[in-house]
Amino acid sequence: MPTTKHAEVESRLGRPLEFYLWQRYVRDGLTISALADELGIGAGTLWRWLRDFNIPTRQQTWTLGGRPK
């Protein structure tokens, strides 16, 4: 379900948010954190948007130090 933030980001991008997210996350392989930074939103918001648009997410991989790669 679109939100005010969806509309704001779509307006900045000049194209549908769903298409942009699919391109940058699936096709281009950006990470959640890199794409969230690019859009000026939090990673949690981006996870929710990917889920809302039925865009498949990748599993996070973790290093021995306990941080995502």
N, C-alpha and C. Protein backbone atom coordinates (compact mmCIF):
# COMPACT_ATOMS: atom_id res chain seq x y z
N MET A 1 0.84 -1.18 0.00
CA MET A 1 0.00 0.00 0.00
C MET A 1 0.89 1.25 0.00
N PRO A 2 0.71 2.14 -0.99
CA PRO A 2 1.54 3.34 -1.08
C PRO A 2 1.34 4.26 0.13
N THR A 3 2.43 4.89 0.52
CA THR A 3 2.40 5.83 1.63
C THR A 3 2.84 7.20 1.12
N THR A 4 2.76 8.18 1.99
CA THR A 4 3.23 9.52 1.64
C THR A 4 4.71 9.48 1.30
N LYS A 5 5.48 8.69 2.04
CA LYS A 5 6.91 8.58 1.77
C LYS A 5 7.15 7.96 0.41
N HIS A 6 6.35 6.92 0.04
CA HIS A 6 6.44 6.33 -1.30
C HIS A 6 6.31 7.43 -2.35
N ALA A 7 5.25 8.22 -2.20
CA ALA A 7 4.96 9.28 -3.17
C ALA A 7 6.09 10.30 -3.23
N GLU A 8 6.63 10.65 -2.08
CA GLU A 8 7.73 11.62 -2.02
C GLU A 8 8.96 11.09 -2.76
N VAL A 9 9.31 9.84 -2.51
CA VAL A 9 10.49 9.24 -3.15
C VAL A 9 10.23 9.07 -4.65
N GLU A 10 9.04 8.60 -5.03
CA GLU A 10 8.70 8.46 -6.45
C GLU A 10 8.79 9.80 -7.17
N SER A 11 8.35 10.85 -6.52
CA SER A 11 8.41 12.18 -7.11
C SER A 11 9.85 12.60 -7.39
N ARG A 12 10.74 12.31 -6.44
CA ARG A 12 12.16 12.63 -6.62
C ARG A 12 12.78 11.80 -7.74
N LEU A 13 12.39 10.51 -7.81
CA LEU A 13 12.97 9.61 -8.80
C LEU A 13 12.42 9.87 -10.20
N GLY A 14 11.17 10.31 -10.28
CA GLY A 14 10.54 10.55 -11.55
C GLY A 14 10.09 9.27 -12.26
N ARG A 15 9.96 8.19 -11.50
CA ARG A 15 9.47 6.92 -12.05
C ARG A 15 8.89 6.08 -10.92
N PRO A 16 8.16 5.02 -11.27
CA PRO A 16 7.53 4.20 -10.24
C PRO A 16 8.56 3.59 -9.27
N LEU A 17 8.27 3.69 -8.00
CA LEU A 17 9.17 3.19 -6.95
C LEU A 17 9.41 1.70 -7.08
N GLU A 18 8.38 0.93 -7.36
CA GLU A 18 8.52 -0.53 -7.47
C GLU A 18 9.54 -0.90 -8.55
N PHE A 19 9.46 -0.25 -9.69
CA PHE A 19 10.39 -0.52 -10.79
C PHE A 19 11.82 -0.13 -10.40
N TYR A 20 11.96 1.03 -9.76
CA TYR A 20 13.28 1.51 -9.35
C TYR A 20 13.91 0.55 -8.33
N LEU A 21 13.13 0.12 -7.34
CA LEU A 21 13.66 -0.80 -6.32
C LEU A 21 14.10 -2.11 -6.96
N TRP A 22 13.29 -2.63 -7.87
CA TRP A 22 13.65 -3.89 -8.54
C TRP A 22 14.95 -3.71 -9.32
N GLN A 23 15.05 -2.61 -10.06
CA GLN A 23 16.27 -2.37 -10.83
C GLN A 23 17.51 -2.30 -9.94
N ARG A 24 17.46 -1.48 -8.92
CA ARG A 24 18.65 -1.21 -8.11
C ARG A 24 18.99 -2.39 -7.18
N TYR A 25 17.99 -3.05 -6.62
CA TYR A 25 18.25 -4.13 -5.67
C TYR A 25 18.46 -5.47 -6.37
N VAL A 26 17.58 -5.84 -7.28
CA VAL A 26 17.67 -7.15 -7.93
C VAL A 26 18.66 -7.11 -9.08
N ARG A 27 18.46 -6.23 -10.03
CA ARG A 27 19.30 -6.19 -11.23
C ARG A 27 20.72 -5.70 -10.95
N ASP A 28 20.83 -4.57 -10.21
CA ASP A 28 22.14 -3.96 -9.98
C ASP A 28 22.86 -4.53 -8.76
N GLY A 29 22.13 -5.23 -7.89
CA GLY A 29 22.75 -5.90 -6.75
C GLY A 29 23.12 -5.02 -5.58
N LEU A 30 22.52 -3.82 -5.47
CA LEU A 30 22.82 -2.98 -4.31
C LEU A 30 22.38 -3.66 -3.03
N THR A 31 23.07 -3.36 -1.96
CA THR A 31 22.68 -3.88 -0.65
C THR A 31 21.52 -3.04 -0.12
N ILE A 32 20.85 -3.59 0.88
CA ILE A 32 19.77 -2.85 1.54
C ILE A 32 20.28 -1.53 2.07
N SER A 33 21.41 -1.55 2.77
CA SER A 33 21.92 -0.31 3.38
C SER A 33 22.34 0.70 2.31
N ALA A 34 22.97 0.26 1.23
CA ALA A 34 23.38 1.18 0.18
C ALA A 34 22.17 1.80 -0.52
N LEU A 35 21.16 0.99 -0.79
CA LEU A 35 19.97 1.50 -1.45
C LEU A 35 19.17 2.41 -0.53
N ALA A 36 19.08 2.05 0.74
CA ALA A 36 18.38 2.91 1.71
C ALA A 36 19.07 4.27 1.80
N ASP A 37 20.39 4.27 1.86
CA ASP A 37 21.15 5.53 1.89
C ASP A 37 20.90 6.34 0.63
N GLU A 38 20.90 5.67 -0.51
CA GLU A 38 20.66 6.34 -1.79
C GLU A 38 19.29 7.02 -1.81
N LEU A 39 18.30 6.38 -1.20
CA LEU A 39 16.93 6.91 -1.20
C LEU A 39 16.67 7.86 -0.04
N GLY A 40 17.57 7.90 0.95
CA GLY A 40 17.37 8.76 2.11
C GLY A 40 16.33 8.23 3.07
N ILE A 41 16.26 6.89 3.19
CA ILE A 41 15.30 6.25 4.10
C ILE A 41 16.06 5.26 4.97
N GLY A 42 15.40 4.74 5.99
CA GLY A 42 16.01 3.74 6.85
C GLY A 42 15.96 2.36 6.21
N ALA A 43 16.87 1.49 6.63
CA ALA A 43 16.92 0.13 6.10
C ALA A 43 15.63 -0.63 6.41
N GLY A 44 15.06 -0.42 7.58
CA GLY A 44 13.81 -1.09 7.94
C GLY A 44 12.66 -0.69 7.01
N THR A 45 12.62 0.58 6.67
CA THR A 45 11.60 1.05 5.73
C THR A 45 11.80 0.39 4.38
N LEU A 46 13.03 0.29 3.93
CA LEU A 46 13.30 -0.35 2.64
C LEU A 46 12.92 -1.83 2.66
N TRP A 47 13.24 -2.54 3.72
CA TRP A 47 12.81 -3.95 3.84
C TRP A 47 11.30 -4.07 3.68
N ARG A 48 10.57 -3.18 4.36
CA ARG A 48 9.11 -3.21 4.30
C ARG A 48 8.62 -2.93 2.88
N TRP A 49 9.23 -1.96 2.20
CA TRP A 49 8.83 -1.65 0.84
C TRP A 49 9.11 -2.82 -0.10
N LEU A 50 10.26 -3.46 0.05
CA LEU A 50 10.56 -4.62 -0.79
C LEU A 50 9.50 -5.70 -0.57
N ARG A 51 9.16 -5.93 0.68
CA ARG A 51 8.12 -6.91 1.00
C ARG A 51 6.77 -6.50 0.41
N ASP A 52 6.41 -5.22 0.56
CA ASP A 52 5.14 -4.72 0.05
C ASP A 52 5.03 -4.90 -1.47
N PHE A 53 6.15 -4.75 -2.17
CA PHE A 53 6.17 -4.89 -3.63
C PHE A 53 6.49 -6.32 -4.08
N ASN A 54 6.59 -7.26 -3.12
CA ASN A 54 6.90 -8.66 -3.43
C ASN A 54 8.22 -8.82 -4.20
N ILE A 55 9.19 -8.00 -3.83
CA ILE A 55 10.52 -8.10 -4.41
C ILE A 55 11.33 -9.04 -3.52
N PRO A 56 11.84 -10.13 -4.08
CA PRO A 56 12.56 -11.10 -3.25
C PRO A 56 13.84 -10.50 -2.65
N THR A 57 14.05 -10.78 -1.37
CA THR A 57 15.25 -10.27 -0.70
C THR A 57 16.30 -11.36 -0.62
N ARG A 58 17.55 -10.91 -0.59
CA ARG A 58 18.67 -11.84 -0.45
C ARG A 58 18.92 -12.08 1.03
N GLN A 59 19.50 -13.24 1.34
CA GLN A 59 19.88 -13.51 2.72
C GLN A 59 21.13 -12.71 3.05
N GLN A 60 21.19 -12.20 4.29
CA GLN A 60 22.38 -11.51 4.74
C GLN A 60 23.43 -12.55 5.06
N THR A 61 24.67 -12.24 4.73
CA THR A 61 25.77 -13.10 5.14
C THR A 61 26.52 -12.38 6.25
N TRP A 62 27.01 -13.13 7.19
CA TRP A 62 27.66 -12.55 8.36
C TRP A 62 29.12 -12.97 8.43
N THR A 63 29.95 -12.06 8.89
CA THR A 63 31.36 -12.36 9.10
C THR A 63 31.50 -12.93 10.50
N LEU A 64 32.69 -13.41 10.82
CA LEU A 64 32.94 -13.94 12.17
C LEU A 64 32.79 -12.88 13.24
N GLY A 65 32.98 -11.63 12.88
CA GLY A 65 32.84 -10.53 13.84
C GLY A 65 31.40 -10.19 14.14
N GLY A 66 30.45 -10.85 13.50
CA GLY A 66 29.05 -10.60 13.78
C GLY A 66 28.44 -9.46 13.01
N ARG A 67 29.11 -9.01 11.96
CA ARG A 67 28.57 -7.91 11.16
C ARG A 67 28.30 -8.42 9.74
N PRO A 68 27.30 -7.82 9.09
CA PRO A 68 27.04 -8.21 7.71
C PRO A 68 28.25 -7.93 6.83
N LYS A 69 28.44 -8.79 5.84
CA LYS A 69 29.53 -8.56 4.89
C LYS A 69 29.23 -7.37 4.04
